[in-house]
Amino acid sequence: MIIILRYLITVLIIYLLIRFIQKRLQTLSNPQQSDSNTFNRTKNQHADPFEILGVAKNANAAEIKKAYHEALSKYHPDKVEHLGDEIKQVAREKTVQIQRAYEQIK
């Protein structure tokens, strides 16, 4: 009985962790819009690249590069490979958005 209870608790924790990560990725990829429109802004070519990277408009090259690498390490699809297709797709789109923003700024 205790083994089954431990198993159920572990499964519940994993499920909640996956849901949290999904919501967090959606929120980080688009905090202003609702969940139904999360992917639209990711695909938007006109989003502010400084906002995407989280740096000030007067940031120097070193700060921009550091923010770019930090953002990539946070959203790289390889980091969420084991979490499911939806999360991998969000991570891929966010990575593309980060790379485009960096290319526009540098």
Protein backbone atom coordinates (compact mmCIF):
# COMPACT_ATOMS: atom_id res chain seq x y z
CA MET A 1 0.00 0.00 0.00
CA ILE A 2 2.80 2.42 0.87
CA ILE A 3 4.58 1.65 -2.40
CA ILE A 4 1.43 2.44 -4.39
CA LEU A 5 0.94 5.68 -2.47
CA ARG A 6 4.55 6.73 -3.13
CA TYR A 7 4.12 5.91 -6.81
CA LEU A 8 0.93 7.98 -7.06
CA ILE A 9 2.56 10.92 -5.29
CA THR A 10 5.55 10.73 -7.63
CA VAL A 11 3.31 10.63 -10.69
CA LEU A 12 1.32 13.59 -9.36
CA ILE A 13 4.47 15.62 -8.73
CA ILE A 14 5.77 14.88 -12.23
CA TYR A 15 2.42 15.84 -13.76
CA LEU A 16 2.30 19.10 -11.82
CA LEU A 17 5.89 19.90 -12.75
CA ILE A 18 5.17 19.37 -16.44
CA ARG A 19 2.05 21.56 -16.25
CA PHE A 20 4.03 24.27 -14.44
CA ILE A 21 6.77 24.22 -17.08
CA GLN A 22 4.19 24.38 -19.87
CA LYS A 23 2.48 27.40 -18.31
CA ARG A 24 5.81 29.07 -17.54
CA LEU A 25 7.04 28.67 -21.13
CA GLN A 26 3.77 30.09 -22.43
CA THR A 27 3.94 33.01 -20.03
CA LEU A 28 7.57 33.76 -20.80
CA SER A 29 7.05 33.55 -24.52
CA ASN A 30 4.14 35.99 -24.38
CA PRO A 31 3.19 37.61 -21.07
CA GLN A 32 0.78 40.22 -22.52
CA GLN A 33 -1.51 37.97 -24.52
CA SER A 34 -3.84 35.17 -23.52
CA ASP A 35 -2.85 31.51 -23.76
CA SER A 36 -4.80 31.09 -27.00
CA ASN A 37 -2.62 33.71 -28.70
CA THR A 38 0.71 32.60 -27.25
CA PHE A 39 2.13 31.31 -30.52
CA ASN A 40 1.08 34.34 -32.59
CA ARG A 41 3.52 36.75 -30.98
CA THR A 42 6.32 34.21 -31.16
CA LYS A 43 5.90 34.19 -34.93
CA ASN A 44 5.60 37.98 -35.09
CA GLN A 45 8.59 39.40 -36.91
CA HIS A 46 7.99 42.91 -35.54
CA ALA A 47 8.39 42.20 -31.83
CA ASP A 48 10.97 44.36 -30.08
CA PRO A 49 14.27 42.43 -30.11
CA PHE A 50 15.49 44.19 -26.97
CA GLU A 51 12.35 43.10 -25.13
CA ILE A 52 12.75 39.53 -26.36
CA LEU A 53 16.31 39.35 -25.03
CA GLY A 54 15.42 41.26 -21.88
CA VAL A 55 18.01 44.02 -22.29
CA ALA A 56 17.80 47.80 -22.34
CA LYS A 57 17.92 49.61 -25.67
CA ASN A 58 21.21 51.19 -24.64
CA ALA A 59 22.84 47.87 -23.69
CA ASN A 60 26.37 47.28 -24.94
CA ALA A 61 27.44 44.34 -27.11
CA ALA A 62 28.68 42.27 -24.16
CA GLU A 63 25.37 42.63 -22.29
CA ILE A 64 23.41 41.70 -25.40
CA LYS A 65 25.57 38.66 -26.06
CA LYS A 66 25.27 37.54 -22.43
CA ALA A 67 21.47 37.93 -22.50
CA TYR A 68 21.33 36.00 -25.78
CA HIS A 69 23.30 33.07 -24.37
CA GLU A 70 21.27 33.04 -21.15
CA ALA A 71 17.99 33.07 -23.08
CA LEU A 72 19.17 30.28 -25.37
CA SER A 73 20.27 28.16 -22.44
CA LYS A 74 16.87 28.67 -20.83
CA TYR A 75 14.75 27.84 -23.89
CA HIS A 76 16.88 25.45 -25.93
CA PRO A 77 14.74 22.54 -27.22
CA ASP A 78 17.33 19.97 -26.13
CA LYS A 79 16.69 20.95 -22.50
CA VAL A 80 13.02 19.98 -22.75
CA GLU A 81 13.40 16.99 -25.06
CA HIS A 82 11.86 14.65 -22.49
CA LEU A 83 8.84 16.83 -21.60
CA GLY A 84 6.57 16.27 -24.58
CA ASP A 85 5.80 17.65 -28.00
CA GLU A 86 3.92 20.78 -26.93
CA ILE A 87 6.74 22.00 -24.73
CA LYS A 88 9.34 21.15 -27.36
CA GLN A 89 7.38 23.16 -29.93
CA VAL A 90 7.18 26.20 -27.63
CA ALA A 91 10.90 25.90 -26.92
CA ARG A 92 11.71 25.70 -30.65
CA GLU A 93 9.63 28.76 -31.45
CA LYS A 94 11.10 30.73 -28.55
CA THR A 95 14.63 29.76 -29.64
CA VAL A 96 13.94 30.98 -33.18
CA GLN A 97 12.52 34.21 -31.78
CA ILE A 98 15.62 34.72 -29.61
CA GLN A 99 17.96 34.05 -32.53
CA ARG A 100 16.10 36.50 -34.78
CA ALA A 101 16.16 39.17 -32.08
CA TYR A 102 19.90 38.72 -31.62
CA GLU A 103 20.51 38.93 -35.37
CA GLN A 104 18.51 42.17 -35.55
CA ILE A 105 20.44 43.80 -32.71
CA LYS A 106 24.03 42.78 -33.41
